[in-house]
Amino acid sequence: MKFTIEEIKAEHQKVKSGADFPKYIQEIKNLGVSHYKALVADGNTQYFDAENNYAETGRKYDDLAVSENLNLDQFKTRLKLHQQGGTDYMTFCKDCAENGIEGWEMDLDKMTCTYFDKN
């Protein structure tokens, strides 16, 4: 594995809002991250290389209760606000939890992000 969790955290520190996200993705892709999976409940994120080796952050914050009910329309509204720089990361995580989003997976090769609920 080419990257360390410390290198990824250093890049993440530069992200002040969702508007900074594209540059962050490019930087961690340059480090050798092929995809990652973030869990909303405690913020743990697993970063994978092309061979599926991974490093993880561990718990980033106190547990958030993820709603059993998916509210997709409200989530899309909050996501758009976050992407435009209107909310910080912690607010976005709380928005995900409130609207039933359990986490997301980013594929840095395809440049896709898939959000998922408990189902």
Protein backbone atom coordinates (compact mmCIF):
# COMPACT_ATOMS: atom_id res chain seq x y z
CA MET A 1 0.00 0.00 0.00
CA LYS A 2 1.41 3.37 -1.04
CA PHE A 3 -0.56 5.65 1.25
CA THR A 4 -0.94 6.10 4.99
CA ILE A 5 -3.95 7.21 7.00
CA GLU A 6 -1.85 10.21 8.13
CA GLU A 7 -1.42 11.37 4.52
CA ILE A 8 -5.15 11.05 3.90
CA LYS A 9 -6.00 12.92 7.11
CA ALA A 10 -3.61 15.71 6.08
CA GLU A 11 -5.48 16.10 2.80
CA HIS A 12 -8.87 15.92 4.56
CA GLN A 13 -7.82 18.78 6.88
CA LYS A 14 -7.73 21.05 3.82
CA VAL A 15 -11.45 20.43 3.13
CA LYS A 16 -13.52 23.22 4.68
CA SER A 17 -16.76 22.52 2.79
CA GLY A 18 -18.20 20.35 0.05
CA ALA A 19 -16.85 22.84 -2.48
CA ASP A 20 -13.29 21.67 -1.61
CA PHE A 21 -14.18 18.02 -2.16
CA PRO A 22 -13.11 17.58 -5.83
CA LYS A 23 -9.53 18.70 -5.06
CA TYR A 24 -9.42 16.36 -2.04
CA ILE A 25 -10.53 13.42 -4.20
CA GLN A 26 -7.83 14.17 -6.76
CA GLU A 27 -5.16 14.40 -4.05
CA ILE A 28 -6.02 11.08 -2.40
CA LYS A 29 -6.30 9.44 -5.83
CA ASN A 30 -2.75 10.66 -6.46
CA LEU A 31 -1.72 8.95 -3.19
CA GLY A 32 -2.97 5.62 -4.59
CA VAL A 33 -6.50 5.37 -3.17
CA SER A 34 -8.77 3.50 -5.61
CA HIS A 35 -11.98 3.63 -3.52
CA TYR A 36 -13.20 4.23 -0.01
CA LYS A 37 -16.19 3.53 2.17
CA ALA A 38 -17.41 5.95 4.85
CA LEU A 39 -19.89 5.02 7.58
CA VAL A 40 -22.09 7.78 8.97
CA ALA A 41 -22.70 6.20 12.40
CA ASP A 42 -19.18 6.91 13.72
CA GLY A 43 -17.26 8.36 10.78
CA ASN A 44 -14.99 5.35 10.30
CA THR A 45 -13.65 5.37 6.76
CA GLN A 46 -11.78 2.57 4.98
CA TYR A 47 -9.45 3.62 2.15
CA PHE A 48 -8.52 0.92 -0.37
CA ASP A 49 -5.75 0.63 -2.94
CA ALA A 50 -6.07 -1.20 -6.28
CA GLU A 51 -5.19 -4.54 -4.62
CA ASN A 52 -7.93 -4.06 -1.97
CA ASN A 53 -5.43 -3.45 0.84
CA TYR A 54 -6.87 -0.84 3.16
CA ALA A 55 -6.22 1.54 6.00
CA GLU A 56 -9.00 2.93 8.17
CA THR A 57 -9.49 6.00 10.30
CA GLY A 58 -11.43 4.42 13.12
CA ARG A 59 -14.19 6.32 14.94
CA LYS A 60 -14.10 10.06 14.15
CA TYR A 61 -16.95 11.24 16.39
CA ASP A 62 -19.60 10.08 18.87
CA ASP A 63 -22.21 7.76 17.39
CA LEU A 64 -24.97 9.27 15.26
CA ALA A 65 -28.28 7.41 15.15
CA VAL A 66 -29.02 6.64 11.50
CA SER A 67 -32.75 6.85 10.77
CA GLU A 68 -34.46 3.65 9.65
CA ASN A 69 -36.49 5.74 7.18
CA LEU A 70 -34.89 6.92 3.97
CA ASN A 71 -35.91 10.47 3.05
CA LEU A 72 -34.31 10.74 -0.37
CA ASP A 73 -35.76 14.11 -1.41
CA GLN A 74 -34.61 15.83 1.78
CA PHE A 75 -31.20 14.15 1.51
CA LYS A 76 -30.76 15.39 -2.07
CA THR A 77 -31.58 18.94 -0.94
CA ARG A 78 -29.01 18.76 1.88
CA LEU A 79 -26.41 17.14 -0.39
CA LYS A 80 -26.76 19.93 -2.93
CA LEU A 81 -26.30 22.54 -0.17
CA HIS A 82 -23.18 20.72 1.06
CA GLN A 83 -21.72 20.45 -2.46
CA GLN A 84 -22.13 24.21 -2.85
CA GLY A 85 -20.14 24.84 0.33
CA GLY A 86 -23.15 25.57 2.55
CA THR A 87 -22.37 23.03 5.29
CA ASP A 88 -19.29 21.51 6.92
CA TYR A 89 -18.50 17.78 7.07
CA MET A 90 -20.05 17.16 10.50
CA THR A 91 -23.29 18.88 9.49
CA PHE A 92 -23.36 16.76 6.34
CA CYS A 93 -22.89 13.57 8.39
CA LYS A 94 -25.77 14.60 10.68
CA ASP A 95 -27.91 15.34 7.60
CA CYS A 96 -27.12 11.85 6.28
CA ALA A 97 -28.08 10.20 9.58
CA GLU A 98 -31.33 12.14 9.89
CA ASN A 99 -32.33 11.19 6.35
CA GLY A 100 -31.49 7.48 6.59
CA ILE A 101 -28.15 7.45 4.76
CA GLU A 102 -25.90 4.86 6.40
CA GLY A 103 -22.80 5.74 4.38
CA TRP A 104 -21.25 6.15 0.99
CA GLU A 105 -18.68 4.55 -1.25
CA MET A 106 -16.48 6.55 -3.58
CA ASP A 107 -14.93 4.90 -6.63
CA LEU A 108 -12.00 7.10 -7.65
CA ASP A 109 -11.45 5.26 -10.92
CA LYS A 110 -15.04 5.69 -12.15
CA MET A 111 -15.42 8.98 -10.19
CA THR A 112 -18.75 7.86 -8.74
CA CYS A 113 -20.23 8.16 -5.28
CA THR A 114 -22.90 5.71 -4.12
CA TYR A 115 -24.92 6.55 -1.01
CA PHE A 116 -26.60 3.66 0.78
CA ASP A 117 -29.25 3.16 3.45
CA LYS A 118 -29.61 0.28 5.92
CA ASN A 119 -31.23 -1.86 3.23
